[in-house]
Amino acid sequence: MDPAERAREIALRLLTHSARSSSQLREGLLKREVEPAIADEIIARYLEVGLLDDAALAGSIARTRHAERGASRRAISQELRRKGFEHDDIEAALEQISGDDEQDAARSLAAKRWRSLEGHDDQTRVRRVVAMLGRKGYSPDVAFGVVKELQRADRAGE
């Protein structure tokens, strides 16, 4: 089989399995011993015909991670960098998530976790909620700010 034809088959199989950035597709092709020049040709052609669209994929990943997992802009940015997206595509994807959206997501995540820890002492609740928000990529300022709001709400409700 022609090396270029073999490479196209591998590329299509990789893209059928899951959407990938140009960088991820190139990496997948190189792992399967496709010549770099052939991999670059295929990627350029797929970009040209629209089989690959890094900007759209980055935007979709950002929306999904934020809406479904409550991930912060920082966490999403790190994931997109790991996946090999270009800086401009990452910036454009993150523009969809406003500071207010991020704050709302942090509040929602924190409130849910706070309620689940109702039987624990205040210090444990604070530590666990702040840690959870930290794992989601929220800054300590945001995490502690949201927790203070929850503590105030608890005290007002007593």
N, C-alpha and C. Protein backbone atom coordinates (compact mmCIF):
# COMPACT_ATOMS: atom_id res chain seq x y z
N MET A 1 0.85 -1.18 0.00
CA MET A 1 0.00 0.00 0.00
C MET A 1 0.89 1.24 0.00
N ASP A 2 0.44 2.22 -0.74
CA ASP A 2 1.13 3.50 -0.83
C ASP A 2 1.21 4.13 0.57
N PRO A 3 2.39 4.66 0.97
CA PRO A 3 2.53 5.26 2.31
C PRO A 3 1.54 6.40 2.57
N ALA A 4 1.26 7.20 1.56
CA ALA A 4 0.32 8.31 1.73
C ALA A 4 -1.10 7.78 1.95
N GLU A 5 -1.47 6.75 1.20
CA GLU A 5 -2.81 6.16 1.35
C GLU A 5 -2.95 5.52 2.74
N ARG A 6 -1.91 4.82 3.18
CA ARG A 6 -1.91 4.23 4.51
C ARG A 6 -2.07 5.32 5.59
N ALA A 7 -1.35 6.41 5.40
CA ALA A 7 -1.41 7.51 6.36
C ALA A 7 -2.81 8.13 6.39
N ARG A 8 -3.44 8.29 5.21
CA ARG A 8 -4.81 8.84 5.17
C ARG A 8 -5.78 7.91 5.91
N GLU A 9 -5.64 6.62 5.72
CA GLU A 9 -6.50 5.67 6.43
C GLU A 9 -6.32 5.77 7.94
N ILE A 10 -5.08 5.86 8.37
CA ILE A 10 -4.80 6.01 9.81
C ILE A 10 -5.42 7.30 10.33
N ALA A 11 -5.23 8.38 9.59
CA ALA A 11 -5.75 9.68 10.01
C ALA A 11 -7.27 9.65 10.13
N LEU A 12 -7.93 9.08 9.13
CA LEU A 12 -9.40 9.00 9.18
C LEU A 12 -9.87 8.13 10.34
N ARG A 13 -9.17 7.04 10.58
CA ARG A 13 -9.53 6.17 11.71
C ARG A 13 -9.37 6.91 13.04
N LEU A 14 -8.28 7.67 13.17
CA LEU A 14 -8.06 8.44 14.40
C LEU A 14 -9.16 9.49 14.59
N LEU A 15 -9.53 10.16 13.50
CA LEU A 15 -10.56 11.20 13.60
C LEU A 15 -11.95 10.62 13.80
N THR A 16 -12.17 9.41 13.32
CA THR A 16 -13.47 8.75 13.52
C THR A 16 -13.63 8.38 14.99
N HIS A 17 -12.54 7.97 15.60
CA HIS A 17 -12.57 7.57 17.01
C HIS A 17 -12.91 8.75 17.91
N SER A 18 -12.26 9.91 17.69
CA SER A 18 -12.57 11.12 18.47
C SER A 18 -11.98 12.33 17.76
N ALA A 19 -12.62 13.46 17.98
CA ALA A 19 -12.13 14.72 17.40
C ALA A 19 -10.74 15.00 17.97
N ARG A 20 -9.87 15.52 17.14
CA ARG A 20 -8.50 15.80 17.57
C ARG A 20 -8.03 17.13 17.00
N SER A 21 -7.08 17.72 17.69
CA SER A 21 -6.44 18.92 17.16
C SER A 21 -5.44 18.48 16.10
N SER A 22 -4.99 19.44 15.31
CA SER A 22 -3.97 19.14 14.29
C SER A 22 -2.74 18.52 14.94
N SER A 23 -2.36 19.07 16.08
CA SER A 23 -1.19 18.58 16.80
C SER A 23 -1.38 17.13 17.26
N GLN A 24 -2.57 16.83 17.79
CA GLN A 24 -2.84 15.47 18.23
C GLN A 24 -2.84 14.49 17.06
N LEU A 25 -3.42 14.92 15.93
CA LEU A 25 -3.44 14.04 14.76
C LEU A 25 -2.03 13.79 14.26
N ARG A 26 -1.22 14.83 14.22
CA ARG A 26 0.17 14.67 13.77
C ARG A 26 0.90 13.70 14.69
N GLU A 27 0.72 13.88 16.00
CA GLU A 27 1.35 12.99 16.97
C GLU A 27 0.90 11.54 16.76
N GLY A 28 -0.39 11.35 16.54
CA GLY A 28 -0.92 10.00 16.31
C GLY A 28 -0.35 9.36 15.05
N LEU A 29 -0.20 10.16 14.01
CA LEU A 29 0.38 9.64 12.77
C LEU A 29 1.85 9.28 12.96
N LEU A 30 2.59 10.15 13.63
CA LEU A 30 4.01 9.88 13.83
C LEU A 30 4.22 8.64 14.70
N LYS A 31 3.35 8.43 15.69
CA LYS A 31 3.45 7.23 16.54
C LYS A 31 3.26 5.96 15.71
N ARG A 32 2.50 6.08 14.61
CA ARG A 32 2.23 4.93 13.77
C ARG A 32 3.19 4.88 12.58
N GLU A 33 4.33 5.54 12.77
CA GLU A 33 5.45 5.51 11.83
C GLU A 33 5.13 6.07 10.45
N VAL A 34 4.30 7.11 10.44
CA VAL A 34 4.06 7.85 9.19
C VAL A 34 5.16 8.91 9.08
N GLU A 35 5.69 9.07 7.87
CA GLU A 35 6.75 10.07 7.65
C GLU A 35 6.22 11.46 8.00
N PRO A 36 7.02 12.28 8.68
CA PRO A 36 6.57 13.63 9.06
C PRO A 36 6.05 14.46 7.88
N ALA A 37 6.71 14.38 6.75
CA ALA A 37 6.28 15.17 5.58
C ALA A 37 4.89 14.74 5.12
N ILE A 38 4.63 13.44 5.12
CA ILE A 38 3.32 12.93 4.71
C ILE A 38 2.27 13.35 5.74
N ALA A 39 2.61 13.25 7.02
CA ALA A 39 1.67 13.66 8.08
C ALA A 39 1.32 15.13 7.91
N ASP A 40 2.30 15.97 7.65
CA ASP A 40 2.05 17.40 7.49
C ASP A 40 1.18 17.69 6.26
N GLU A 41 1.41 16.94 5.17
CA GLU A 41 0.58 17.09 3.96
C GLU A 41 -0.88 16.76 4.26
N ILE A 42 -1.09 15.65 4.94
CA ILE A 42 -2.45 15.22 5.26
C ILE A 42 -3.14 16.24 6.15
N ILE A 43 -2.44 16.72 7.16
CA ILE A 43 -3.02 17.70 8.08
C ILE A 43 -3.36 18.98 7.33
N ALA A 44 -2.47 19.44 6.47
CA ALA A 44 -2.75 20.66 5.70
C ALA A 44 -3.99 20.47 4.83
N ARG A 45 -4.10 19.31 4.20
CA ARG A 45 -5.26 19.03 3.34
C ARG A 45 -6.54 18.95 4.17
N TYR A 46 -6.49 18.30 5.31
CA TYR A 46 -7.68 18.16 6.16
C TYR A 46 -8.11 19.52 6.72
N LEU A 47 -7.15 20.40 7.00
CA LEU A 47 -7.48 21.75 7.44
C LEU A 47 -8.17 22.51 6.30
N GLU A 48 -7.64 22.33 5.11
CA GLU A 48 -8.17 23.00 3.92
C GLU A 48 -9.62 22.60 3.63
N VAL A 49 -9.92 21.32 3.75
CA VAL A 49 -11.28 20.84 3.42
C VAL A 49 -12.22 20.85 4.62
N GLY A 50 -11.70 21.21 5.80
CA GLY A 50 -12.57 21.33 6.97
C GLY A 50 -12.72 20.09 7.82
N LEU A 51 -11.96 19.04 7.54
CA LEU A 51 -12.00 17.86 8.41
C LEU A 51 -11.36 18.14 9.76
N LEU A 52 -10.45 19.09 9.76
CA LEU A 52 -9.83 19.56 11.01
C LEU A 52 -10.13 21.04 11.16
N ASP A 53 -10.58 21.42 12.35
CA ASP A 53 -10.84 22.84 12.64
C ASP A 53 -10.47 23.05 14.10
N ASP A 54 -9.23 23.44 14.33
CA ASP A 54 -8.73 23.58 15.69
C ASP A 54 -9.50 24.63 16.49
N ALA A 55 -9.85 25.74 15.86
CA ALA A 55 -10.57 26.80 16.57
C ALA A 55 -11.93 26.31 17.05
N ALA A 56 -12.65 25.64 16.16
CA ALA A 56 -13.99 25.14 16.53
C ALA A 56 -13.89 24.07 17.61
N LEU A 57 -12.91 23.18 17.48
CA LEU A 57 -12.75 22.11 18.47
C LEU A 57 -12.37 22.69 19.83
N ALA A 58 -11.47 23.65 19.85
CA ALA A 58 -11.07 24.28 21.12
C ALA A 58 -12.28 24.95 21.77
N GLY A 59 -13.09 25.63 20.97
CA GLY A 59 -14.30 26.27 21.50
C GLY A 59 -15.27 25.27 22.07
N SER A 60 -15.45 24.17 21.38
CA SER A 60 -16.35 23.12 21.84
C SER A 60 -15.86 22.50 23.14
N ILE A 61 -14.58 22.22 23.22
CA ILE A 61 -14.01 21.66 24.45
C ILE A 61 -14.19 22.63 25.61
N ALA A 62 -13.92 23.90 25.36
CA ALA A 62 -14.05 24.91 26.42
C ALA A 62 -15.49 24.97 26.93
N ARG A 63 -16.45 25.04 26.01
CA ARG A 63 -17.87 25.10 26.42
C ARG A 63 -18.26 23.87 27.22
N THR A 64 -17.87 22.72 26.74
CA THR A 64 -18.24 21.46 27.39
C THR A 64 -17.62 21.34 28.78
N ARG A 65 -16.33 21.61 28.88
CA ARG A 65 -15.65 21.47 30.18
C ARG A 65 -16.23 22.43 31.21
N HIS A 66 -16.58 23.63 30.76
CA HIS A 66 -17.12 24.61 31.69
C HIS A 66 -18.55 24.25 32.09
N ALA A 67 -19.38 23.94 31.11
CA ALA A 67 -20.80 23.68 31.39
C ALA A 67 -21.02 22.37 32.13
N GLU A 68 -20.33 21.33 31.72
CA GLU A 68 -20.60 20.00 32.29
C GLU A 68 -19.77 19.68 33.53
N ARG A 69 -18.56 20.21 33.59
CA ARG A 69 -17.66 19.88 34.70
C ARG A 69 -17.38 21.05 35.62
N GLY A 70 -17.77 22.24 35.21
CA GLY A 70 -17.50 23.42 36.02
C GLY A 70 -16.04 23.82 36.05
N ALA A 71 -15.29 23.40 35.03
CA ALA A 71 -13.86 23.71 35.00
C ALA A 71 -13.64 25.21 34.82
N SER A 72 -12.60 25.71 35.43
CA SER A 72 -12.26 27.13 35.33
C SER A 72 -11.56 27.41 34.00
N ARG A 73 -11.47 28.69 33.67
CA ARG A 73 -10.76 29.09 32.46
C ARG A 73 -9.30 28.61 32.51
N ARG A 74 -8.70 28.70 33.67
CA ARG A 74 -7.30 28.27 33.81
C ARG A 74 -7.14 26.77 33.53
N ALA A 75 -8.04 25.96 34.09
CA ALA A 75 -7.97 24.52 33.88
C ALA A 75 -8.22 24.17 32.40
N ILE A 76 -9.16 24.87 31.79
CA ILE A 76 -9.46 24.62 30.37
C ILE A 76 -8.26 25.02 29.52
N SER A 77 -7.66 26.14 29.84
CA SER A 77 -6.49 26.61 29.10
C SER A 77 -5.36 25.57 29.17
N GLN A 78 -5.13 25.04 30.35
CA GLN A 78 -4.08 24.02 30.51
C GLN A 78 -4.39 22.78 29.67
N GLU A 79 -5.65 22.35 29.70
CA GLU A 79 -6.02 21.17 28.92
C GLU A 79 -5.82 21.41 27.42
N LEU A 80 -6.23 22.58 26.96
CA LEU A 80 -6.08 22.88 25.53
C LEU A 80 -4.61 22.96 25.13
N ARG A 81 -3.78 23.52 26.00
CA ARG A 81 -2.33 23.55 25.71
C ARG A 81 -1.77 22.13 25.63
N ARG A 82 -2.18 21.28 26.57
CA ARG A 82 -1.72 19.88 26.55
C ARG A 82 -2.12 19.18 25.26
N LYS A 83 -3.29 19.53 24.73
CA LYS A 83 -3.78 18.91 23.51
C LYS A 83 -3.14 19.51 22.25
N GLY A 84 -2.29 20.52 22.43
CA GLY A 84 -1.54 21.07 21.31
C GLY A 84 -2.22 22.18 20.54
N PHE A 85 -3.21 22.83 21.11
CA PHE A 85 -3.86 23.93 20.41
C PHE A 85 -2.97 25.17 20.42
N GLU A 86 -3.11 25.98 19.39
CA GLU A 86 -2.36 27.24 19.28
C GLU A 86 -2.91 28.26 20.27
N HIS A 87 -2.06 29.20 20.65
CA HIS A 87 -2.43 30.24 21.62
C HIS A 87 -3.69 31.00 21.20
N ASP A 88 -3.77 31.39 19.93
CA ASP A 88 -4.92 32.17 19.45
C ASP A 88 -6.22 31.38 19.56
N ASP A 89 -6.17 30.09 19.25
CA ASP A 89 -7.37 29.24 19.35
C ASP A 89 -7.80 29.10 20.81
N ILE A 90 -6.83 29.00 21.71
CA ILE A 90 -7.14 28.89 23.14
C ILE A 90 -7.78 30.18 23.63
N GLU A 91 -7.19 31.30 23.28
CA GLU A 91 -7.73 32.60 23.71
C GLU A 91 -9.16 32.79 23.20
N ALA A 92 -9.39 32.47 21.93
CA ALA A 92 -10.74 32.62 21.36
C ALA A 92 -11.73 31.71 22.07
N ALA A 93 -11.31 30.50 22.38
CA ALA A 93 -12.19 29.55 23.06
C ALA A 93 -12.56 30.05 24.46
N LEU A 94 -11.59 30.63 25.15
CA LEU A 94 -11.82 31.08 26.52
C LEU A 94 -12.65 32.36 26.59
N GLU A 95 -12.69 33.11 25.49
CA GLU A 95 -13.49 34.34 25.46
C GLU A 95 -14.98 34.04 25.65
N GLN A 96 -15.38 32.81 25.36
CA GLN A 96 -16.79 32.43 25.51
C GLN A 96 -17.23 32.38 26.97
N ILE A 97 -16.25 32.27 27.87
CA ILE A 97 -16.55 32.12 29.29
C ILE A 97 -16.19 33.42 30.00
N SER A 98 -17.21 34.13 30.44
CA SER A 98 -16.96 35.42 31.10
C SER A 98 -16.55 35.19 32.55
N GLY A 99 -16.05 36.23 33.17
CA GLY A 99 -15.71 36.17 34.60
C GLY A 99 -16.94 35.84 35.43
N ASP A 100 -18.09 36.39 35.03
CA ASP A 100 -19.34 36.11 35.75
C ASP A 100 -19.74 34.64 35.60
N ASP A 101 -19.57 34.09 34.39
CA ASP A 101 -19.89 32.67 34.16
C ASP A 101 -19.03 31.80 35.07
N GLU A 102 -17.75 32.16 35.13
CA GLU A 102 -16.81 31.39 35.95
C GLU A 102 -17.18 31.48 37.43
N GLN A 103 -17.50 32.67 37.88
CA GLN A 103 -17.89 32.88 39.28
C GLN A 103 -19.17 32.10 39.60
N ASP A 104 -20.14 32.12 38.69
CA ASP A 104 -21.38 31.38 38.89
C ASP A 104 -21.13 29.88 38.99
N ALA A 105 -20.25 29.39 38.13
CA ALA A 105 -19.93 27.96 38.15
C ALA A 105 -19.26 27.59 39.47
N ALA A 106 -18.34 28.43 39.94
CA ALA A 106 -17.66 28.17 41.22
C ALA A 106 -18.67 28.16 42.36
N ARG A 107 -19.61 29.11 42.34
CA ARG A 107 -20.65 29.15 43.39
C ARG A 107 -21.50 27.89 43.38
N SER A 108 -21.89 27.48 42.20
CA SER A 108 -22.75 26.30 42.06
C SER A 108 -22.04 25.04 42.55
N LEU A 109 -20.81 24.85 42.10
CA LEU A 109 -20.03 23.69 42.55
C LEU A 109 -19.83 23.70 44.06
N ALA A 110 -19.47 24.86 44.57
CA ALA A 110 -19.18 25.00 46.00
C ALA A 110 -20.43 24.75 46.83
N ALA A 111 -21.56 25.31 46.40
CA ALA A 111 -22.81 25.14 47.16
C ALA A 111 -23.21 23.68 47.23
N LYS A 112 -23.06 22.98 46.12
CA LYS A 112 -23.41 21.56 46.10
C LYS A 112 -22.51 20.77 47.06
N ARG A 113 -21.22 21.03 47.00
CA ARG A 113 -20.27 20.33 47.87
C ARG A 113 -20.49 20.74 49.34
N TRP A 114 -20.77 22.01 49.57
CA TRP A 114 -21.01 22.53 50.93
C TRP A 114 -22.19 21.79 51.56
N ARG A 115 -23.27 21.66 50.81
CA ARG A 115 -24.45 20.96 51.32
C ARG A 115 -24.15 19.49 51.63
N SER A 116 -23.34 18.88 50.78
CA SER A 116 -23.02 17.45 50.99
C SER A 116 -22.17 17.22 52.23
N LEU A 117 -21.55 18.28 52.73
CA LEU A 117 -20.68 18.18 53.92
C LEU A 117 -21.35 18.72 55.17
N GLU A 118 -22.67 18.80 55.15
CA GLU A 118 -23.41 19.44 56.24
C GLU A 118 -23.11 18.87 57.62
N GLY A 119 -22.83 17.61 57.74
CA GLY A 119 -22.58 17.01 59.04
C GLY A 119 -21.18 17.26 59.60
N HIS A 120 -20.31 17.90 58.82
CA HIS A 120 -18.93 18.14 59.25
C HIS A 120 -18.78 19.51 59.89
N ASP A 121 -17.69 19.67 60.63
CA ASP A 121 -17.42 20.97 61.24
C ASP A 121 -17.04 21.97 60.15
N ASP A 122 -17.14 23.25 60.49
CA ASP A 122 -16.92 24.33 59.53
C ASP A 122 -15.53 24.27 58.88
N GLN A 123 -14.53 24.00 59.69
CA GLN A 123 -13.16 23.97 59.17
C GLN A 123 -12.98 22.88 58.11
N THR A 124 -13.55 21.71 58.36
CA THR A 124 -13.47 20.60 57.40
C THR A 124 -14.21 20.96 56.12
N ARG A 125 -15.39 21.56 56.28
CA ARG A 125 -16.17 21.95 55.10
C ARG A 125 -15.38 22.96 54.25
N VAL A 126 -14.81 23.95 54.92
CA VAL A 126 -14.04 24.98 54.20
C VAL A 126 -12.88 24.32 53.45
N ARG A 127 -12.12 23.49 54.16
CA ARG A 127 -10.94 22.85 53.55
C ARG A 127 -11.33 22.01 52.34
N ARG A 128 -12.38 21.22 52.47
CA ARG A 128 -12.77 20.33 51.38
C ARG A 128 -13.35 21.08 50.18
N VAL A 129 -14.12 22.10 50.43
CA VAL A 129 -14.71 22.87 49.32
C VAL A 129 -13.61 23.66 48.60
N VAL A 130 -12.72 24.28 49.35
CA VAL A 130 -11.63 25.03 48.73
C VAL A 130 -10.74 24.08 47.92
N ALA A 131 -10.46 22.91 48.45
CA ALA A 131 -9.63 21.93 47.74
C ALA A 131 -10.30 21.48 46.44
N MET A 132 -11.61 21.23 46.50
CA MET A 132 -12.34 20.81 45.31
C MET A 132 -12.28 21.91 44.24
N LEU A 133 -12.49 23.14 44.64
CA LEU A 133 -12.43 24.24 43.68
C LEU A 133 -11.02 24.40 43.11
N GLY A 134 -10.02 24.20 43.95
CA GLY A 134 -8.64 24.25 43.49
C GLY A 134 -8.36 23.20 42.43
N ARG A 135 -8.88 22.00 42.64
CA ARG A 135 -8.70 20.93 41.65
C ARG A 135 -9.39 21.26 40.33
N LYS A 136 -10.43 22.06 40.40
CA LYS A 136 -11.15 22.47 39.18
C LYS A 136 -10.46 23.65 38.50
N GLY A 137 -9.40 24.17 39.14
CA GLY A 137 -8.62 25.24 38.52
C GLY A 137 -8.95 26.64 39.00
N TYR A 138 -9.79 26.75 40.02
CA TYR A 138 -10.14 28.09 40.52
C TYR A 138 -9.03 28.60 41.43
N SER A 139 -8.83 29.90 41.41
CA SER A 139 -7.79 30.51 42.23
C SER A 139 -8.21 30.46 43.70
N PRO A 140 -7.24 30.53 44.61
CA PRO A 140 -7.57 30.58 46.03
C PRO A 140 -8.49 31.76 46.38
N ASP A 141 -8.30 32.90 45.72
CA ASP A 141 -9.17 34.05 45.98
C ASP A 141 -10.63 33.73 45.68
N VAL A 142 -10.86 33.12 44.54
CA VAL A 142 -12.24 32.76 44.17
C VAL A 142 -12.77 31.71 45.13
N ALA A 143 -11.98 30.69 45.41
CA ALA A 143 -12.43 29.59 46.27
C ALA A 143 -12.79 30.09 47.67
N PHE A 144 -11.90 30.85 48.28
CA PHE A 144 -12.18 31.33 49.63
C PHE A 144 -13.32 32.36 49.63
N GLY A 145 -13.42 33.16 48.58
CA GLY A 145 -14.51 34.12 48.48
C GLY A 145 -15.87 33.44 48.43
N VAL A 146 -15.96 32.40 47.65
CA VAL A 146 -17.22 31.65 47.53
C VAL A 146 -17.56 30.96 48.85
N VAL A 147 -16.55 30.39 49.50
CA VAL A 147 -16.78 29.71 50.78
C VAL A 147 -17.25 30.72 51.84
N LYS A 148 -16.67 31.91 51.84
CA LYS A 148 -17.12 32.92 52.80
C LYS A 148 -18.58 33.29 52.57
N GLU A 149 -18.99 33.36 51.31
CA GLU A 149 -20.40 33.61 51.00
C GLU A 149 -21.28 32.50 51.58
N LEU A 150 -20.84 31.26 51.43
CA LEU A 150 -21.61 30.12 51.95
C LEU A 150 -21.69 30.16 53.47
N GLN A 151 -20.59 30.51 54.11
CA GLN A 151 -20.59 30.62 55.58
C GLN A 151 -21.54 31.72 56.04
N ARG A 152 -21.50 32.87 55.36
CA ARG A 152 -22.41 33.98 55.70
C ARG A 152 -23.86 33.55 55.52
N ALA A 153 -24.14 32.85 54.46
CA ALA A 153 -25.52 32.39 54.19
C ALA A 153 -25.98 31.43 55.29
N ASP A 154 -25.07 30.55 55.73
CA ASP A 154 -25.40 29.62 56.84
C ASP A 154 -25.72 30.38 58.12
N ARG A 155 -24.89 31.37 58.41
CA ARG A 155 -25.10 32.15 59.64
C ARG A 155 -26.38 32.97 59.57
N ALA A 156 -26.71 33.47 58.40
CA ALA A 156 -27.93 34.28 58.24
C ALA A 156 -29.17 33.38 58.37
N GLY A 157 -29.03 32.12 57.99
CA GLY A 157 -30.16 31.19 58.04
C GLY A 157 -30.39 30.59 59.41
N GLU A 158 -29.45 30.79 60.33
CA GLU A 158 -29.57 30.18 61.66
C GLU A 158 -30.56 30.90 62.52
